[in-house]
Protein backbone atom coordinates (compact mmCIF):
# COMPACT_ATOMS: atom_id res chain seq x y z
CA MET A 1 -36.81 -0.92 12.78
CA SER A 2 -33.97 0.36 10.61
CA THR A 3 -34.02 3.66 8.79
CA THR A 4 -32.13 4.52 5.65
CA GLU A 5 -30.49 7.82 4.79
CA PRO A 6 -31.39 9.35 1.43
CA ALA A 7 -28.99 8.16 -1.25
CA THR A 8 -27.91 11.11 -3.33
CA ALA A 9 -24.81 12.34 -5.05
CA GLY A 10 -24.78 15.78 -6.48
CA GLY A 11 -28.51 16.03 -5.91
CA ALA A 12 -29.55 13.20 -8.25
CA ALA A 13 -31.20 9.95 -7.35
CA PRO A 14 -29.05 6.85 -7.51
CA VAL A 15 -29.62 4.00 -9.88
CA SER A 16 -30.83 0.93 -8.04
CA GLY A 17 -32.09 -2.49 -8.76
CA PRO A 18 -35.44 -3.92 -7.79
CA GLY A 19 -36.32 -4.71 -4.19
CA ASP A 20 -36.04 -2.84 -0.94
CA ASN A 21 -32.64 -4.29 -0.09
CA ALA A 22 -31.10 -3.93 -3.55
CA PRO A 23 -27.79 -2.04 -3.75
CA GLN A 24 -28.35 1.60 -4.71
CA TYR A 25 -25.69 2.28 -7.30
CA LEU A 26 -24.94 5.69 -8.83
CA SER A 27 -25.15 6.72 -12.46
CA HIS A 28 -22.01 7.22 -14.57
CA LYS A 29 -22.21 11.01 -14.21
CA GLN A 30 -22.61 10.79 -10.43
CA ILE A 31 -19.75 8.30 -10.17
CA LEU A 32 -17.36 10.65 -11.97
CA VAL A 33 -18.16 13.42 -9.48
CA VAL A 34 -17.60 11.14 -6.48
CA LEU A 35 -14.39 9.74 -7.99
CA GLY A 36 -12.82 13.21 -7.93
CA GLY A 37 -13.06 13.43 -4.14
CA LEU A 38 -12.01 9.82 -3.57
CA MET A 39 -8.99 10.10 -5.87
CA ALA A 40 -7.87 13.35 -4.22
CA GLY A 41 -8.06 11.68 -0.82
CA MET A 42 -6.14 8.62 -1.97
CA PHE A 43 -3.54 10.82 -3.69
CA LEU A 44 -2.85 12.46 -0.32
CA ALA A 45 -1.96 9.15 1.32
CA ALA A 46 -0.11 7.69 -1.69
CA LEU A 47 1.93 10.86 -2.26
CA ASP A 48 3.03 11.03 1.36
CA GLN A 49 4.54 7.55 1.14
CA SER A 50 6.97 8.68 -1.56
CA ILE A 51 7.54 12.41 -1.00
CA VAL A 52 9.07 12.22 2.49
CA GLY A 53 12.00 9.98 1.57
CA THR A 54 13.58 12.66 -0.62
CA ALA A 55 13.53 15.18 2.21
CA LEU A 56 14.87 12.91 4.96
CA PRO A 57 18.57 13.81 4.51
CA GLN A 58 17.80 17.53 4.98
CA ILE A 59 15.48 16.84 7.93
CA VAL A 60 18.21 14.82 9.63
CA SER A 61 20.76 17.57 8.99
CA GLU A 62 18.50 20.24 10.52
CA PHE A 63 17.59 18.22 13.62
CA ASN A 64 20.96 16.40 13.91
CA SER A 65 19.15 13.14 14.62
CA LEU A 66 20.50 10.45 12.32
CA ASP A 67 19.86 7.77 14.95
CA LYS A 68 16.10 8.45 14.84
CA LEU A 69 15.80 8.68 11.04
CA SER A 70 13.95 5.37 10.57
CA TRP A 71 11.29 6.38 13.09
CA VAL A 72 10.04 9.15 10.78
CA VAL A 73 9.00 6.41 8.33
CA THR A 74 8.15 3.70 10.86
CA ALA A 75 5.72 5.88 12.87
CA TYR A 76 3.64 6.61 9.76
CA LEU A 77 3.73 2.98 8.61
CA LEU A 78 2.79 1.68 12.04
CA THR A 79 -0.34 3.77 12.60
CA SER A 80 -1.58 3.56 9.00
CA THR A 81 -1.32 -0.24 8.95
CA ALA A 82 -2.74 -0.81 12.43
CA SER A 83 -5.70 1.53 11.93
CA THR A 84 -6.78 0.24 8.51
CA PRO A 85 -9.15 -2.55 9.70
CA LEU A 86 -10.63 -0.24 12.35
CA TRP A 87 -11.59 2.42 9.78
CA GLY A 88 -13.29 -0.19 7.62
CA LYS A 89 -15.28 -1.71 10.46
CA ILE A 90 -16.47 1.59 11.90
CA SER A 91 -17.51 2.77 8.43
CA ASP A 92 -19.66 -0.35 8.08
CA LEU A 93 -21.44 0.72 11.26
CA TYR A 94 -21.67 4.51 10.82
CA GLY A 95 -21.35 5.01 7.04
CA ARG A 96 -18.50 5.88 4.67
CA ARG A 97 -18.98 9.66 4.33
CA PRO A 98 -18.44 10.78 7.96
CA LEU A 99 -15.48 8.42 8.35
CA PHE A 100 -13.84 9.54 5.08
CA ILE A 101 -14.21 13.16 6.18
CA ALA A 102 -12.70 12.27 9.58
CA ALA A 103 -9.76 10.54 7.85
CA ILE A 104 -9.05 13.60 5.68
CA VAL A 105 -9.24 15.96 8.68
CA THR A 106 -6.94 13.70 10.73
CA PHE A 107 -4.41 13.52 7.89
CA LEU A 108 -4.43 17.28 7.34
CA ALA A 109 -4.05 17.95 11.06
CA GLY A 110 -1.03 15.65 11.14
CA SER A 111 0.41 17.41 8.07
CA VAL A 112 0.12 20.89 9.63
CA LEU A 113 1.64 19.73 12.90
CA ALA A 114 4.48 17.91 11.09
CA ALA A 115 5.25 21.09 9.12
CA LEU A 116 5.49 23.02 12.40
CA SER A 117 7.72 20.45 14.17
CA GLN A 118 10.61 21.91 16.15
CA ASN A 119 12.51 18.67 16.81
CA ILE A 120 12.69 15.09 15.55
CA GLU A 121 10.51 13.75 18.40
CA MET A 122 7.67 16.10 17.47
CA LEU A 123 7.98 15.14 13.80
CA ILE A 124 7.81 11.42 14.63
CA GLY A 125 4.69 11.92 16.76
CA PHE A 126 2.91 14.00 14.13
CA ARG A 127 3.86 11.54 11.39
CA ALA A 128 2.00 8.96 13.46
CA VAL A 129 -1.08 11.22 13.36
CA GLN A 130 -0.72 11.47 9.58
CA GLY A 131 -0.52 7.68 9.32
CA LEU A 132 -3.70 7.33 11.35
CA GLY A 133 -5.59 9.38 8.75
CA ALA A 134 -3.87 7.66 5.82
CA GLY A 135 -5.11 4.26 6.99
CA GLY A 136 -8.66 5.50 6.50
CA LEU A 137 -8.05 7.30 3.20
CA MET A 138 -6.87 4.16 1.42
CA SER A 139 -9.37 1.60 2.69
CA LEU A 140 -12.45 3.84 2.71
CA ALA A 141 -11.91 5.00 -0.87
CA PHE A 142 -12.00 1.41 -2.13
CA ALA A 143 -14.95 0.55 0.11
CA THR A 144 -16.89 3.55 -1.21
CA ILE A 145 -16.24 2.42 -4.78
CA GLY A 146 -17.80 -0.89 -3.76
CA ASP A 147 -20.86 0.97 -2.52
CA VAL A 148 -21.56 3.12 -5.59
CA ILE A 149 -20.41 0.98 -8.55
CA PRO A 150 -21.64 -2.54 -9.45
CA PRO A 151 -18.81 -5.14 -9.42
CA ARG A 152 -19.22 -5.74 -13.16
CA GLU A 153 -18.63 -2.02 -13.92
CA ARG A 154 -15.96 -1.45 -11.29
CA GLY A 155 -13.07 -2.29 -13.59
CA LYS A 156 -13.83 0.69 -15.82
CA TYR A 157 -13.11 3.02 -12.91
CA MET A 158 -10.49 1.08 -10.91
CA GLY A 159 -7.82 1.88 -13.49
CA TYR A 160 -7.97 5.52 -12.47
CA PHE A 161 -6.98 4.53 -8.95
CA GLY A 162 -4.02 2.62 -10.35
CA ALA A 163 -3.08 5.82 -12.13
CA VAL A 164 -3.26 7.69 -8.80
CA PHE A 165 -0.69 5.32 -7.29
CA GLY A 166 1.47 5.62 -10.40
CA LEU A 167 1.30 9.41 -10.48
CA SER A 168 2.11 9.65 -6.77
CA SER A 169 5.19 7.42 -7.12
CA VAL A 170 6.57 9.82 -9.75
CA ALA A 171 5.26 13.08 -8.27
CA GLY A 172 6.50 12.16 -4.78
CA PRO A 173 10.26 12.10 -5.46
CA LEU A 174 9.88 14.91 -8.01
CA LEU A 175 7.97 17.25 -5.67
CA GLY A 176 10.09 16.20 -2.72
CA GLY A 177 13.26 17.15 -4.57
CA LEU A 178 11.87 20.45 -5.88
CA LEU A 179 10.41 21.53 -2.53
CA THR A 180 13.43 20.45 -0.49
CA ASP A 181 15.83 22.25 -2.82
CA GLY A 182 13.49 25.28 -2.98
CA PRO A 183 11.38 26.59 -0.07
CA GLY A 184 12.46 23.81 2.30
CA TRP A 185 11.42 20.37 3.53
CA ARG A 186 8.46 21.65 5.57
CA TRP A 187 6.62 22.31 2.30
CA ILE A 188 6.31 18.58 1.65
CA PHE A 189 3.67 18.73 4.40
CA TRP A 190 2.16 22.13 3.57
CA ILE A 191 1.41 20.95 0.02
CA ASN A 192 -1.11 18.47 1.45
CA LEU A 193 -3.44 21.31 2.50
CA PRO A 194 -4.77 22.45 -0.91
CA ILE A 195 -5.14 18.85 -2.12
CA GLY A 196 -6.85 17.83 1.11
CA LEU A 197 -9.22 20.78 1.15
CA VAL A 198 -10.35 19.98 -2.40
CA ALA A 199 -10.96 16.37 -1.39
CA LEU A 200 -12.79 17.47 1.74
CA GLY A 201 -15.05 19.85 -0.20
CA VAL A 202 -15.99 17.29 -2.86
CA VAL A 203 -16.61 14.49 -0.36
CA ALA A 204 -18.69 16.70 1.95
CA ALA A 205 -20.77 18.00 -0.97
CA VAL A 206 -21.47 14.93 -3.07
CA LEU A 207 -20.65 11.73 -1.15
CA LYS A 208 -24.06 11.07 0.40
CA LEU A 209 -24.48 7.33 0.39
CA PRO A 210 -27.26 5.05 1.63
CA HIS A 211 -26.52 3.65 5.06
CA VAL A 212 -28.74 1.39 7.13
CA LYS A 213 -28.59 2.45 10.77
CA ARG A 214 -28.46 -0.51 13.12
CA SER A 215 -27.46 -1.39 16.65
CA HIS A 216 -23.74 -1.92 16.99
CA LYS A 217 -20.81 -2.50 19.30
CA ILE A 218 -17.24 -1.35 18.73
CA ASP A 219 -14.66 -4.07 19.32
CA TYR A 220 -12.28 -2.02 21.46
CA ILE A 221 -10.44 -5.09 22.77
CA GLY A 222 -9.84 -6.38 19.24
CA ALA A 223 -8.67 -2.94 18.12
CA ALA A 224 -6.19 -2.74 20.99
CA VAL A 225 -4.87 -6.27 20.43
CA VAL A 226 -4.40 -5.93 16.64
CA THR A 227 -2.70 -2.55 17.12
CA ALA A 228 -0.33 -4.08 19.68
CA ALA A 229 0.37 -7.06 17.38
CA VAL A 230 1.20 -4.85 14.40
CA THR A 231 3.23 -2.46 16.56
CA THR A 232 5.45 -5.16 18.05
CA LEU A 233 5.99 -6.80 14.65
CA LEU A 234 6.93 -3.55 12.90
CA LEU A 235 9.18 -2.51 15.79
CA ALA A 236 10.98 -5.84 15.49
CA ILE A 237 11.51 -5.77 11.72
CA SER A 238 11.91 -2.02 11.16
CA TRP A 239 13.89 -1.04 14.25
CA SER A 240 15.22 -3.68 16.65
CA GLY A 241 16.34 -6.27 14.10
CA PRO A 242 18.33 -3.92 11.84
CA THR A 243 19.62 -1.82 14.76
CA ASN A 244 20.26 -4.31 17.58
CA GLY A 245 20.59 -7.56 15.64
CA TRP A 246 18.08 -10.32 14.89
CA GLY A 247 19.34 -12.62 17.61
CA THR A 248 19.16 -10.14 20.48
CA ALA A 249 16.74 -10.55 23.38
CA THR A 250 14.83 -7.39 22.43
CA THR A 251 14.18 -8.50 18.85
CA ILE A 252 13.20 -12.04 19.85
CA ALA A 253 10.88 -10.73 22.58
CA LEU A 254 9.15 -8.39 20.11
CA LEU A 255 8.71 -11.15 17.52
CA VAL A 256 7.34 -13.62 20.08
CA SER A 257 5.01 -10.97 21.44
CA SER A 258 3.66 -10.23 17.96
CA VAL A 259 2.86 -13.91 17.41
CA VAL A 260 1.17 -14.27 20.81
CA LEU A 261 -0.86 -11.11 20.24
CA ALA A 262 -1.87 -12.24 16.74
CA VAL A 263 -3.18 -15.53 18.14
CA ALA A 264 -4.98 -13.65 20.92
CA PHE A 265 -6.56 -11.37 18.30
CA VAL A 266 -8.03 -14.38 16.46
CA PHE A 267 -9.55 -15.71 19.70
CA VAL A 268 -11.01 -12.27 20.50
CA GLU A 269 -12.52 -11.88 17.04
CA LEU A 270 -14.17 -15.32 17.24
CA ARG A 271 -16.03 -14.30 20.40
CA VAL A 272 -17.16 -10.68 19.98
CA ALA A 273 -20.46 -9.60 18.41
CA GLU A 274 -18.99 -6.99 16.04
CA PRO A 275 -15.41 -8.09 15.20
CA ILE A 276 -13.08 -5.66 13.43
CA ILE A 277 -11.98 -8.45 11.07
CA PRO A 278 -14.60 -11.23 11.06
CA MET A 279 -12.75 -14.52 10.92
CA ASP A 280 -15.64 -15.92 8.86
CA LEU A 281 -14.41 -13.81 5.95
CA PHE A 282 -11.52 -16.23 5.56
CA LYS A 283 -13.86 -19.20 5.12
CA GLY A 284 -14.49 -17.90 1.61
CA ARG A 285 -11.87 -19.29 -0.79
CA ILE A 286 -11.95 -16.16 -2.98
CA PHE A 287 -11.43 -13.70 -0.15
CA SER A 288 -8.74 -15.72 1.64
CA GLY A 289 -6.96 -16.50 -1.64
CA TYR A 290 -6.73 -12.88 -2.75
CA ALA A 291 -5.87 -11.65 0.76
CA GLY A 292 -2.83 -13.96 0.63
CA PHE A 293 -2.07 -12.80 -2.92
CA ALA A 294 -2.22 -9.12 -1.84
CA PHE A 295 0.14 -9.83 1.06
CA LEU A 296 2.71 -11.63 -1.10
CA LEU A 297 2.57 -9.08 -3.91
CA GLY A 298 2.98 -6.36 -1.28
CA VAL A 299 6.13 -8.10 0.01
CA ALA A 300 7.66 -8.26 -3.47
CA MET A 301 6.41 -4.89 -4.73
CA PHE A 302 7.08 -2.52 -1.83
CA GLY A 303 10.13 -4.41 -0.65
CA ALA A 304 11.92 -4.27 -3.99
CA LEU A 305 10.70 -1.00 -5.53
CA ILE A 306 12.35 1.13 -2.86
CA PHE A 307 15.72 0.19 -4.39
CA LEU A 308 15.03 1.57 -7.88
CA PRO A 309 15.41 5.25 -6.84
CA LEU A 310 18.56 4.26 -4.93
CA TYR A 311 20.02 2.66 -8.07
CA LEU A 312 19.18 5.71 -10.19
CA GLN A 313 20.63 8.20 -7.71
CA ALA A 314 23.67 6.24 -6.53
CA VAL A 315 24.76 4.36 -9.66
CA LYS A 316 23.39 6.56 -12.45
CA ASP A 317 24.17 9.75 -10.49
CA MET A 318 20.69 11.24 -10.99
CA SER A 319 19.26 13.98 -8.79
CA PRO A 320 16.09 13.20 -6.77
CA THR A 321 14.09 15.18 -9.34
CA ARG A 322 15.56 13.32 -12.34
CA SER A 323 15.19 9.92 -10.65
CA GLY A 324 11.50 10.65 -10.12
CA LEU A 325 11.07 11.37 -13.82
CA ALA A 326 13.09 8.28 -14.71
CA LEU A 327 10.41 6.09 -13.07
CA LEU A 328 7.88 7.22 -15.69
CA PRO A 329 7.97 3.92 -17.70
CA MET A 330 6.71 2.03 -14.67
CA ILE A 331 3.85 4.50 -14.28
CA VAL A 332 2.94 4.10 -17.95
CA GLY A 333 2.87 0.34 -17.39
CA ILE A 334 0.63 0.60 -14.34
CA PHE A 335 -1.76 3.02 -16.02
CA SER A 336 -2.08 1.16 -19.34
CA ALA A 337 -2.49 -2.28 -17.77
CA SER A 338 -4.96 -1.19 -15.10
CA ILE A 339 -7.15 0.71 -17.56
CA SER A 340 -7.19 -2.03 -20.20
CA SER A 341 -7.70 -4.92 -17.76
CA GLY A 342 -10.46 -2.99 -16.00
CA GLN A 343 -12.30 -2.40 -19.27
CA LEU A 344 -11.99 -6.06 -20.29
CA MET A 345 -13.12 -7.23 -16.85
CA SER A 346 -16.20 -5.02 -17.06
CA LYS A 347 -17.13 -6.41 -20.47
CA SER A 348 -16.70 -10.08 -19.57
CA GLY A 349 -17.39 -10.13 -15.84
CA ARG A 350 -14.31 -12.36 -15.50
CA TYR A 351 -11.03 -11.55 -13.76
CA LYS A 352 -9.13 -14.72 -12.82
CA ILE A 353 -6.56 -14.47 -15.60
CA TYR A 354 -5.29 -11.02 -14.60
CA PRO A 355 -3.73 -11.86 -11.19
CA ILE A 356 -2.08 -14.89 -12.84
CA PHE A 357 -0.44 -12.74 -15.52
CA SER A 358 0.34 -10.13 -12.85
CA ALA A 359 2.46 -12.55 -10.81
CA ILE A 360 4.23 -13.81 -13.95
CA LEU A 361 5.07 -10.32 -15.24
CA VAL A 362 6.25 -9.00 -11.87
CA ALA A 363 8.43 -12.11 -11.40
CA GLY A 364 9.86 -11.63 -14.89
CA ALA A 365 10.61 -7.98 -14.14
CA MET A 366 12.35 -8.91 -10.89
CA LEU A 367 14.46 -11.46 -12.75
CA LEU A 368 15.45 -8.83 -15.31
CA LEU A 369 16.18 -6.25 -12.59
CA SER A 370 18.51 -8.72 -10.90
CA THR A 371 20.81 -8.39 -13.96
CA LEU A 372 21.38 -4.64 -13.45
CA SER A 373 25.01 -3.59 -13.51
CA MET A 374 27.06 -0.41 -13.39
CA THR A 375 26.83 -0.07 -17.18
CA THR A 376 23.20 -1.10 -17.85
CA PRO A 377 21.72 1.41 -20.35
CA TYR A 378 18.74 3.35 -19.10
CA TRP A 379 16.55 2.11 -21.96
CA HIS A 380 17.04 -1.45 -20.68
CA LEU A 381 15.93 -0.36 -17.21
CA ALA A 382 12.95 1.48 -18.74
CA ILE A 383 11.74 -1.75 -20.36
CA TYR A 384 12.15 -3.66 -17.08
CA MET A 385 10.20 -0.97 -15.20
CA PHE A 386 7.41 -0.97 -17.80
CA ILE A 387 7.03 -4.76 -17.39
CA MET A 388 6.96 -4.31 -13.63
CA GLY A 389 4.30 -1.59 -13.89
CA ALA A 390 2.17 -3.65 -16.26
CA GLY A 391 2.28 -6.58 -13.87
CA LEU A 392 1.25 -4.41 -10.92
CA GLY A 393 -1.50 -2.73 -12.92
CA LEU A 394 -3.09 -6.07 -13.79
CA SER A 395 -3.89 -6.89 -10.17
CA MET A 396 -3.68 -3.86 -7.87
CA GLN A 397 -7.40 -3.07 -8.04
CA ILE A 398 -8.83 -6.25 -9.57
CA THR A 399 -8.09 -8.38 -6.50
CA VAL A 400 -9.94 -5.84 -4.32
CA THR A 401 -12.94 -5.97 -6.67
CA ALA A 402 -12.94 -9.78 -6.61
CA ALA A 403 -12.78 -9.84 -2.81
CA GLN A 404 -15.60 -7.27 -2.52
CA ASN A 405 -17.73 -9.30 -4.92
CA SER A 406 -17.30 -12.45 -2.83
CA VAL A 407 -18.62 -11.16 0.53
CA PRO A 408 -22.08 -10.01 1.70
CA ARG A 409 -22.67 -6.30 1.10
CA GLN A 410 -22.83 -5.36 4.80
CA HIS A 411 -19.19 -6.46 5.14
CA MET A 412 -17.93 -4.36 2.19
CA GLY A 413 -15.91 -1.90 4.28
CA THR A 414 -14.44 -4.60 6.49
CA ALA A 415 -13.45 -6.76 3.52
CA THR A 416 -11.89 -3.82 1.67
CA SER A 417 -9.91 -2.56 4.64
CA THR A 418 -8.73 -6.10 5.42
CA MET A 419 -7.36 -6.44 1.87
CA THR A 420 -5.57 -3.09 2.27
CA PHE A 421 -4.28 -4.22 5.66
CA PHE A 422 -2.72 -7.38 4.20
CA ARG A 423 -1.09 -5.46 1.34
CA SER A 424 0.33 -2.88 3.79
CA MET A 425 1.64 -5.60 6.09
CA GLY A 426 3.28 -7.31 3.14
CA GLY A 427 4.92 -4.04 2.16
CA ALA A 428 6.16 -3.38 5.69
CA ILE A 429 7.60 -6.87 6.06
CA GLY A 430 9.11 -6.84 2.57
CA THR A 431 10.79 -3.49 3.16
CA ALA A 432 12.38 -4.74 6.37
CA VAL A 433 13.38 -8.17 5.05
CA PHE A 434 14.88 -6.88 1.81
CA GLY A 435 16.65 -4.09 3.67
CA THR A 436 18.32 -6.73 5.83
CA VAL A 437 19.21 -8.80 2.75
CA LEU A 438 20.77 -5.74 1.10
CA THR A 439 22.89 -4.94 4.15
CA SER A 440 24.16 -8.49 4.66
CA ARG A 441 24.82 -9.19 0.97
CA LEU A 442 26.57 -5.83 0.56
CA THR A 443 29.10 -6.86 3.21
CA ASP A 444 29.63 -10.23 1.50
CA HIS A 445 30.13 -8.67 -1.93
CA LEU A 446 32.52 -6.01 -0.60
CA THR A 447 34.58 -8.70 1.11
CA THR A 448 34.95 -10.40 -2.28
CA LEU A 449 35.51 -7.23 -4.32
CA VAL A 450 38.06 -5.39 -2.14
CA PRO A 451 41.53 -6.96 -2.31
CA ASN A 452 43.07 -7.73 1.08
CA ALA A 453 40.23 -5.84 2.76
CA ALA A 454 40.48 -5.11 6.46
CA PRO A 455 37.23 -5.30 8.49
CA GLY A 456 37.45 -1.54 9.09
CA MET A 457 37.54 -0.83 5.36
CA ILE A 458 34.49 -3.06 4.69
CA GLU A 459 32.56 -1.33 7.48
CA LYS A 460 33.47 2.11 6.13
CA LEU A 461 32.30 1.22 2.62
CA SER A 462 29.09 -0.36 3.93
CA GLN A 463 28.25 2.78 5.89
CA ALA A 464 28.99 4.97 2.86
CA ALA A 465 26.53 2.91 0.80
CA ASN A 466 23.73 3.99 3.16
CA SER A 467 24.01 7.59 1.92
CA VAL A 468 24.22 8.72 -1.71
CA PRO A 469 26.24 11.90 -0.88
CA MET A 470 28.73 9.86 1.21
CA LEU A 471 28.99 7.31 -1.58
CA HIS A 472 29.76 9.94 -4.20
CA ALA A 473 32.27 11.62 -1.87
CA LEU A 474 34.48 8.50 -1.78
CA GLN A 475 37.73 8.50 -3.74
CA GLU A 476 38.57 5.88 -6.33
CA PRO A 477 39.00 2.93 -6.17
CA MET A 478 36.86 2.85 -3.00
CA LYS A 479 33.90 4.49 -4.76
CA GLY A 480 33.97 1.88 -7.52
CA TRP A 481 34.11 -0.96 -4.99
CA ALA A 482 31.20 0.43 -3.01
CA LEU A 483 29.03 0.98 -6.09
CA HIS A 484 29.78 -2.48 -7.48
CA GLY A 485 28.96 -4.05 -4.12
CA LEU A 486 25.72 -2.08 -3.89
CA VAL A 487 24.57 -3.11 -7.39
CA ASP A 488 25.40 -6.78 -6.76
CA ALA A 489 23.51 -6.68 -3.43
CA MET A 490 20.48 -5.13 -5.15
CA GLY A 491 20.49 -8.00 -7.64
CA ASP A 492 20.27 -10.44 -4.74
CA VAL A 493 17.33 -8.46 -3.28
CA PHE A 494 15.36 -8.73 -6.53
CA LEU A 495 16.01 -12.48 -6.65
CA VAL A 496 14.82 -12.94 -3.06
CA SER A 497 11.38 -11.64 -4.14
CA LEU A 498 10.90 -14.56 -6.57
CA PRO A 499 9.80 -17.21 -4.01
CA PHE A 500 7.10 -14.85 -2.71
CA LEU A 501 5.87 -14.27 -6.26
CA ALA A 502 5.89 -18.00 -6.99
CA ILE A 503 3.53 -18.62 -4.04
CA ALA A 504 1.39 -15.69 -5.21
CA LEU A 505 1.14 -17.30 -8.65
CA VAL A 506 -0.02 -20.59 -7.12
CA LEU A 507 -2.67 -18.74 -5.09
CA ALA A 508 -3.88 -16.89 -8.20
CA ILE A 509 -4.23 -20.20 -10.06
CA ILE A 510 -6.09 -22.14 -7.35
CA THR A 511 -8.40 -19.31 -6.16
CA PRO A 512 -11.85 -19.82 -7.72
CA GLU A 513 -13.63 -17.15 -9.76
CA GLN A 514 -17.12 -15.77 -9.15
CA ARG A 515 -18.80 -13.82 -11.95
CA LEU A 516 -18.98 -10.11 -11.17
CA ALA A 517 -22.46 -8.82 -10.41
CA GLY A 518 -23.98 -6.06 -12.54
CA ARG A 519 -26.81 -3.60 -11.94
CA THR A 520 -29.33 -6.26 -12.96
CA GLU A 521 -28.44 -9.86 -12.51
CA GLY A 522 -28.82 -12.40 -15.33
CA PRO A 523 -28.71 -16.20 -15.03
CA LYS A 524 -25.86 -17.43 -12.84
CA SER A 525 -23.81 -20.57 -13.24
CA ASP A 526 -24.07 -23.40 -10.73
CA GLU A 527 -20.53 -22.61 -9.54
CA ASP A 528 -21.40 -18.94 -8.93
CA ILE A 529 -24.53 -19.93 -6.99
CA GLU A 530 -22.53 -22.37 -4.86
CA LEU A 531 -19.80 -19.79 -4.13
CA GLU A 532 -22.36 -17.14 -3.15
CA ALA A 533 -24.13 -19.63 -0.89
CA GLN A 534 -20.84 -20.47 0.81
CA ALA A 535 -20.07 -16.76 1.36
CA ALA A 536 -23.52 -16.10 2.80
CA ALA A 537 -23.40 -19.17 5.04
CA SER A 538 -19.95 -18.21 6.39
CA MET A 539 -21.35 -14.91 7.69
CA HIS A 540 -23.98 -16.58 9.86
C-alpha cells in the first residue's frame, strides 16, 4: 500500500482536482514562492556556463597550463550532461525536493573546492563536481514546474525561466570580467555561495511536494553505460578530434566506442525494471519529435552563439564587460518572446505554431549573422541578435511543456531530464563541430587573403586568432588579415547551422499537438484522446 507525503508549499494546501490520483497543483501565490527557489537554482547552473569563459585566460596564466585549458570546460560539460537523466529518474522514485537540495549542495561544494584549487588538475576535477550538481539543477527545476503547475497554465510561468537563461548569458561575461579584473578569478566561484544559499533556503522551506512512495530499483548498469557513452563521445569531439586530428586511431576508437555503448544502453534500458530513460517514451510522436527538435536547436544555438562574444571582443575591440552588455538585445528578444508566447499558450492551450516560428526566426538570424563583416554597424548586429533571441524564446520552454504534457505523470521527471539531456548533447556536439569548422575555414580564408603566404605565416595567424590579446598584438597588415579571416570563417559557421535548423523545422511541422491540460479538464477532441491513449499504452 502506497503512502503519500503531505502536499504543502509555504504552509498552504495545494489546489487539486477531483479524485484520489488527481495531480495536486499549487495556487498562484504558492507557485510564485516556489519559483523563487527554482529560478535561483537554475541561475546558478546557467550563470556558470557563461562566467568561466571570461576568466580562462587569467586561470591559464596563473597555472601555466594552456594545454589543459579545454578540460576546464569539458569536465563540467561531461558530468552535467551524463548525470542529467539520472537525476530525473531518481527524483521520480524519491521525490523532487530531496534531490533538488542534493543538487544545490553538490554544486556549491564543487564551487568552493574550485575556488580553492591550487593547480589546473584540481580545478578540472572540482569543475566535474560542479557539473554533476548542475545536471540536477536544470532538469529538476523543469520537472518540479511540471509537478506544481497545470500544463495549460505553465506558459505563464515558463517565460521567467527563459529570462533566467537570458540574464545569465549577459551577467556571466559581465560578472566574469568585473571579478577577474577586480578581486581575481577565484571569485567567479565564490559568488555562487550567496545565490546557492538563498536557493537552498527557499527550496528547503517551501518545496514540499506530494510524492507517492513505491518500491523501486536503481538502474546502475544503465547509468554506468550512458555515462561511458557520453564521456567517450565528448572526449572525441571536444578533445581528441581537435587536438590529435579526426582521422587518428584515438579519435576513431572513441567515436566507435560511443556508438557501441549507445547501442548497449538501449538494450539495457529495454530489459531493466526501472530504466533511467524508458525507451517507451520515444514511442510517443510528441515526445520523440520535440526531443529531436531540442537536440537540433541545441546544436545550432550553443554551437553558434559562442562566437558572438568572440566577434565583439576581437573585431569590435570590446572588453569582456562591454561585450556582455552588448548581448542585451538578444536577452530582450528571449524575454519578450518567451513571456508573450507563454501567455498566449496558456490562454489557448495550443503550442504547435511556436516551435515552427522558432526554427524560422533562428535560421533567419543565422543567415543574417553570416553577413557580418569588419565594418558591420553594431545596430545591425543588435537587430540580428534580437531576432535570434526571439526565436529561442519561442521554443526554449514550450517544447519542454509539450513533452511533459504528452507522458504519464509518473514519468514527469524522466521526460523532463531526457529533454534537457538531448538539448545539452546538441550543444556539446554543436560546439565541437562548429569549432572544427571555424578552425579549418580560417586556414582556408587566410590562404586566400594573405599574398604569397608561406605555411608558417598561415599557422602563426591561425594560432593568433585563438586568443584575442595575441590577435590585437599583431602588427599590420597581419592583424587585418587575421581579423578578416576570422570574420569570414565565422560566417561559414553560421551557415553550417542552417541544415540542422531546416531539419528542426520539419520536425516542428510534423509533430502532432495535444491540447494542454488545465486544473479541471473540459471535453477533449478525438485526436487528443487518441494521443493520450497512445502515450498511456506505450508505458505498459
